Protein backbone atom coordinates (compact mmCIF):
# COMPACT_ATOMS: atom_id res chain seq x y z
CA MET A 1 32.62 1.19 4.02
CA HIS A 2 30.66 4.42 4.19
CA PRO A 3 26.98 5.38 4.47
CA ARG A 4 25.01 5.71 1.25
CA ALA A 5 21.34 5.89 0.30
CA PHE A 6 19.79 4.28 -2.78
CA ARG A 7 16.55 5.02 -4.59
CA ILE A 8 14.77 1.76 -5.42
CA ALA A 9 11.88 1.31 -7.87
CA TYR A 10 9.89 -1.92 -7.90
CA ASP A 11 6.78 -3.53 -9.29
CA GLY A 12 5.04 -4.78 -6.17
CA ALA A 13 2.70 -7.22 -7.92
CA GLY A 14 4.89 -10.25 -7.23
CA TYR A 15 5.82 -9.45 -3.63
CA TYR A 16 4.20 -9.71 -0.22
CA GLY A 17 5.21 -6.16 0.59
CA PHE A 18 8.55 -4.50 1.18
CA GLN A 19 9.51 -5.65 4.68
CA ARG A 20 11.06 -9.08 5.16
CA GLN A 21 8.66 -11.75 6.43
CA PRO A 22 8.99 -15.48 7.10
CA ASP A 23 8.25 -17.85 4.21
CA VAL A 24 7.06 -15.29 1.64
CA SER A 25 8.85 -13.25 -1.02
CA THR A 26 9.41 -9.57 -0.22
CA VAL A 27 11.35 -6.74 -1.82
CA GLU A 28 13.65 -6.51 1.19
CA ASP A 29 14.51 -10.19 0.79
CA ALA A 30 15.49 -9.52 -2.82
CA ILE A 31 17.74 -6.62 -1.77
CA PHE A 32 19.44 -8.58 1.04
CA ASP A 33 19.97 -11.60 -1.24
CA ALA A 34 21.62 -9.32 -3.82
CA LEU A 35 23.89 -7.82 -1.15
CA ARG A 36 24.93 -11.31 -0.03
CA ARG A 37 25.81 -12.34 -3.58
CA LEU A 38 27.86 -9.15 -3.88
CA GLU A 39 29.56 -10.06 -0.56
CA VAL A 40 28.48 -6.75 0.96
CA LEU A 41 26.33 -8.61 3.49
CA ALA A 42 27.78 -11.63 5.30
CA PRO A 43 25.85 -14.91 4.82
CA ASP A 44 24.94 -15.09 8.51
CA ALA A 45 24.21 -11.36 8.99
CA HIS A 46 20.65 -10.34 9.84
CA ARG A 47 20.87 -7.03 7.96
CA PRO A 48 23.52 -4.60 6.63
CA ALA A 49 25.26 -2.17 8.97
CA GLY A 50 23.38 1.12 9.28
CA TYR A 51 20.41 -0.26 7.36
CA ALA A 52 16.96 1.35 7.32
CA ALA A 53 14.23 1.89 4.71
CA ALA A 54 11.94 4.86 4.12
CA GLY A 55 8.71 2.89 4.25
CA ARG A 56 7.07 -0.52 4.53
CA THR A 57 4.79 -0.81 1.52
CA ASP A 58 2.04 -3.43 1.70
CA ALA A 59 1.71 -6.50 -0.49
CA GLY A 60 1.01 -5.47 -4.08
CA VAL A 61 2.08 -1.83 -3.63
CA SER A 62 4.78 -0.53 -5.99
CA ALA A 63 7.41 2.16 -5.52
CA LEU A 64 9.30 4.67 -7.57
CA ALA A 65 11.35 6.21 -4.76
CA GLN A 66 11.64 3.69 -1.96
CA THR A 67 14.86 4.68 -0.21
CA ILE A 68 17.27 2.51 1.72
CA GLY A 69 20.33 3.63 3.68
CA LEU A 70 23.23 1.38 4.63
CA GLU A 71 27.02 1.12 4.90
CA VAL A 72 28.56 0.03 1.60
CA PRO A 73 31.95 -0.15 -0.13
CA ASP A 74 32.84 2.66 -2.55
CA TRP A 75 32.29 0.48 -5.61
CA LEU A 76 28.63 -0.33 -4.85
CA THR A 77 26.68 1.81 -7.33
CA PRO A 78 23.06 1.40 -8.46
CA ARG A 79 24.16 -0.44 -11.60
CA ALA A 80 26.35 -2.80 -9.52
CA LEU A 81 23.41 -3.53 -7.22
CA ASN A 82 21.13 -4.13 -10.21
CA ALA A 83 23.48 -6.84 -11.47
CA GLU A 84 22.22 -9.08 -8.64
CA LEU A 85 18.67 -7.76 -8.16
CA PRO A 86 15.67 -9.35 -9.88
CA ALA A 87 14.43 -7.46 -12.94
CA ASP A 88 11.37 -6.03 -11.19
CA VAL A 89 13.49 -4.37 -8.46
CA ARG A 90 15.78 -1.62 -9.79
CA ALA A 91 18.17 0.77 -8.04
CA TRP A 92 18.45 3.97 -10.08
CA ALA A 93 20.03 6.74 -7.96
CA ALA A 94 22.31 7.12 -4.95
CA ALA A 95 23.50 9.74 -2.47
CA ASP A 96 26.33 9.77 0.04
CA THR A 97 24.88 10.38 3.48
CA PRO A 98 26.24 11.73 6.76
CA ASP A 99 27.11 9.42 9.63
CA GLY A 100 24.00 8.47 11.57
CA PHE A 101 21.67 8.84 8.59
CA HIS A 102 18.42 6.91 9.06
CA ALA A 103 16.24 6.41 5.99
CA THR A 104 13.08 6.09 8.08
CA HIS A 105 13.48 8.80 10.70
CA HIS A 106 15.17 11.46 8.57
CA ALA A 107 12.54 11.51 5.81
CA VAL A 108 10.62 14.79 6.05
CA ARG A 109 7.85 13.98 3.56
CA ARG A 110 6.47 10.96 1.74
CA GLU A 111 4.20 11.09 -1.29
CA TYR A 112 1.94 8.31 -2.53
CA VAL A 113 -0.01 8.25 -5.79
CA TYR A 114 -3.16 6.15 -6.20
CA HIS A 115 -4.55 5.44 -9.68
CA LEU A 116 -8.27 5.14 -8.92
CA TYR A 117 -10.54 3.76 -11.62
CA ALA A 118 -13.44 6.19 -11.24
CA PRO A 119 -15.47 6.99 -14.39
CA PRO A 120 -16.95 10.50 -14.18
CA THR A 121 -20.62 11.15 -13.50
CA GLY A 122 -22.66 10.36 -16.61
CA ALA A 123 -20.46 7.44 -17.64
CA THR A 124 -21.82 3.91 -17.82
CA PRO A 125 -21.40 2.19 -14.44
CA GLY A 126 -18.33 0.00 -14.35
CA PRO A 127 -17.51 -3.15 -12.40
CA SER A 128 -18.40 -3.49 -8.73
CA GLY A 129 -16.77 -0.72 -6.72
CA ALA A 130 -16.22 1.46 -9.80
CA ASP A 131 -19.51 3.36 -10.03
CA PRO A 132 -19.32 6.85 -11.59
CA VAL A 133 -17.75 9.48 -9.34
CA ASP A 134 -18.79 13.11 -8.98
CA ASP A 135 -15.45 14.94 -9.12
CA ASP A 136 -16.65 17.88 -7.01
CA ARG A 137 -17.89 15.62 -4.23
CA PHE A 138 -14.67 13.60 -4.41
CA ARG A 139 -12.54 16.73 -4.05
CA GLU A 140 -14.71 17.95 -1.17
CA ALA A 141 -13.95 14.68 0.58
CA LEU A 142 -10.22 15.07 -0.05
CA GLU A 143 -10.31 18.60 1.36
CA ALA A 144 -12.17 17.44 4.48
CA LEU A 145 -9.61 14.65 5.02
CA SER A 146 -6.61 16.96 4.54
CA GLY A 147 -4.93 18.60 7.50
CA PHE A 148 -4.20 17.49 11.05
CA HIS A 149 -6.55 14.80 12.35
CA ASP A 150 -6.59 11.68 14.46
CA PHE A 151 -7.11 8.90 11.92
CA HIS A 152 -7.64 6.11 14.48
CA ASN A 153 -10.67 4.90 12.49
CA LEU A 154 -8.67 4.57 9.27
CA THR A 155 -5.77 2.37 10.38
CA PRO A 156 -5.27 -0.86 12.29
CA ASP A 157 -2.61 0.93 14.35
CA ASP A 158 -3.58 1.68 17.94
CA ARG A 159 -1.04 4.46 18.58
CA ASN A 160 0.60 7.34 16.68
CA THR A 161 -2.57 7.77 14.62
CA GLU A 162 -2.44 11.59 14.46
CA ARG A 163 -1.25 12.67 11.00
CA GLU A 164 -1.34 15.73 8.75
CA PRO A 165 -1.84 14.60 5.13
CA ARG A 166 -2.53 16.67 2.06
CA LEU A 167 -4.81 15.05 -0.51
CA GLU A 168 -5.27 16.20 -4.13
CA ALA A 169 -6.65 14.64 -7.30
CA SER A 170 -6.56 15.22 -11.04
CA ARG A 171 -8.71 13.49 -13.64
CA ASP A 172 -7.13 11.44 -16.40
CA GLY A 173 -9.92 9.93 -18.49
CA ASP A 174 -11.70 7.29 -16.42
CA TYR A 175 -9.08 7.58 -13.67
CA LEU A 176 -8.65 9.93 -10.76
CA VAL A 177 -4.96 10.28 -9.92
CA VAL A 178 -4.91 10.86 -6.16
CA THR A 179 -1.78 12.29 -4.53
CA VAL A 180 -1.45 11.92 -0.76
CA SER A 181 1.55 13.45 1.01
CA ALA A 182 2.57 13.74 4.66
CA PRO A 183 5.67 13.43 6.84
CA GLY A 184 4.55 9.88 7.70
CA PHE A 185 1.61 7.49 7.49
CA SER A 186 -0.08 4.94 9.69
CA ARG A 187 -0.65 1.46 8.26
CA GLU A 188 -3.21 1.28 5.44
CA LEU A 189 -4.06 4.96 5.91
CA VAL A 190 -3.57 6.01 2.28
CA ARG A 191 -5.75 3.21 0.91
CA ARG A 192 -8.52 3.86 3.45
CA LEU A 193 -8.46 7.60 2.70
CA VAL A 194 -8.92 6.83 -1.00
CA SER A 195 -11.68 4.33 -0.23
CA LEU A 196 -13.62 6.81 1.91
CA ALA A 197 -13.27 9.61 -0.66
CA ARG A 198 -14.48 7.26 -3.40
CA ASP A 199 -17.56 6.31 -1.35
CA VAL A 200 -18.40 9.99 -0.89
CA GLY A 201 -17.74 10.70 -4.56
CA THR A 202 -20.08 7.93 -5.75
CA GLY A 203 -22.81 8.96 -3.30
CA ALA A 204 -22.55 5.69 -1.38
CA GLU A 205 -21.75 7.76 1.73
CA PRO A 206 -22.64 11.36 2.67
CA LEU A 207 -19.90 13.94 3.19
CA ALA A 208 -20.93 13.92 6.87
CA LYS A 209 -19.49 10.40 7.15
CA ILE A 210 -16.05 12.00 7.25
CA ASP A 211 -16.90 13.90 10.44
CA ARG A 212 -17.97 10.61 12.00
CA VAL A 213 -14.76 8.87 10.89
CA LEU A 214 -12.55 11.68 12.23
CA GLY A 215 -14.44 11.89 15.49
CA PRO A 216 -13.16 10.50 18.81
CA ASP A 217 -15.43 7.46 18.97
CA PRO A 218 -14.43 4.13 17.39
CA LEU A 219 -16.56 3.10 14.42
CA PRO A 220 -18.59 -0.08 14.82
CA GLY A 221 -17.60 -2.82 12.40
CA HIS A 222 -20.47 -2.26 9.97
CA GLU A 223 -19.45 1.40 9.59
CA GLY A 224 -15.75 0.70 9.09
CA VAL A 225 -13.84 1.80 5.99
CA ALA A 226 -12.11 -1.00 4.11
CA PRO A 227 -8.80 -0.22 2.36
CA ALA A 228 -8.83 0.27 -1.39
CA PRO A 229 -6.94 -2.42 -3.37
CA PRO A 230 -3.15 -2.15 -3.08
CA GLU A 231 -2.12 -2.64 -6.73
CA PRO A 232 -2.94 0.92 -7.92
CA LEU A 233 -0.77 2.50 -5.18
CA VAL A 234 2.79 3.80 -5.74
CA LEU A 235 5.27 5.26 -3.25
CA ALA A 236 6.27 8.11 -5.57
CA ARG A 237 8.54 10.38 -3.54
CA VAL A 238 10.50 10.51 -0.28
CA ALA A 239 12.15 13.82 0.63
CA TYR A 240 15.28 14.30 2.74
CA PRO A 241 16.80 17.67 3.65
CA ASN A 242 20.27 18.37 2.24
CA LEU A 243 20.57 15.03 0.46
CA ALA A 244 21.48 15.16 -3.24
CA PHE A 245 20.74 11.98 -5.18
CA ARG A 246 22.72 11.33 -8.36
CA ILE A 247 20.96 9.41 -11.08
CA ASP A 248 22.94 6.50 -12.46
CA GLU A 249 21.95 6.79 -16.13
CA THR A 250 22.80 3.19 -16.96
CA ALA A 251 20.76 1.92 -14.03
CA ALA A 252 17.90 4.31 -14.80
CA GLU A 253 17.75 3.16 -18.42
CA SER A 254 17.64 -0.44 -17.22
CA ALA A 255 14.69 0.45 -14.98
CA ARG A 256 12.84 2.20 -17.79
CA GLU A 257 13.28 -0.81 -20.08
CA VAL A 258 12.04 -3.24 -17.44
CA PHE A 259 8.96 -1.24 -16.53
CA GLU A 260 8.11 -0.47 -20.16
CA ALA A 261 8.16 -4.22 -20.84
CA ARG A 262 5.83 -4.70 -17.85
CA ARG A 263 3.52 -1.99 -19.16
CA LEU A 264 3.27 -3.61 -22.59
CA GLU A 265 2.70 -7.04 -21.05
CA ARG A 266 -0.21 -5.76 -19.01
CA ALA A 267 -1.63 -3.74 -21.92
CA THR A 268 -1.59 -6.92 -24.02
CA GLY A 269 -3.27 -8.82 -21.20
CA ALA A 270 -5.97 -6.15 -21.07
CA ARG A 271 -6.63 -6.58 -24.81
CA VAL A 272 -6.99 -10.35 -24.41
CA ALA A 273 -9.38 -9.89 -21.48
CA GLY A 274 -11.33 -7.40 -23.61
CA GLN A 275 -11.74 -9.96 -26.38
CA LEU A 276 -12.98 -12.54 -23.88
CA ARG A 277 -15.44 -10.02 -22.46
CA ASP A 278 -16.75 -9.00 -25.87
CA GLY A 279 -16.95 -12.56 -27.13
CA VAL A 280 -19.15 -13.91 -24.33
CA ARG A 281 -22.65 -13.40 -25.78
């Protein structure tokens, strides 16, 4: 047995988050069950030796580069792990790690991408919560939220709320693709940052609201910022110094096939919903 890290991609739609919880299906459960079937993890073991994960994504959140570290036999490759994982959880790369490697503590940067439905100013208003967004105002909000701040009003955490994120956005049709990166994140912080920037971008809140949110005083309930929906969020990148991941091409191709099938399934579902919408007269 020796320490190794794996990159894991998953579609979070069918899971109650990454971290194991009682009585609900999580990505971590799927990984541990696969390791038991492979006889890498003993039936009565709580978790693998040396195990840690880069992040604890919420229910509905997906990942491209979730990273787990653990002690494994030499033969356990991404493709071997995939043989026992469900189709919507795919290992696709691996790296040998030094003794004492910790996938949580040794990550130096994490990057999330949020696909925000946000038609540009001048477009026809969309469904509730998707009013047209002024891109300049949205980017002003992202700039104001970037840098070192105490985000105690944007997370349910009551400690370690000081963070230093960098927020950027690019427009892709009716979507704003928001990239948020930092060494680490408090719970729900990314989704609340996106939600606040969207409110400023639509004009629902003034830019000055950000100063109030980042101030020292707790926000009263009616001024609180609710998190944006989890489904458009992806854990896209986790960086480790001096760690070289090798892509397992067979495993990576398996992942591409699975997620392409998911994409087509959802595109077809969108067409059906469109027909229902257009046919209700």
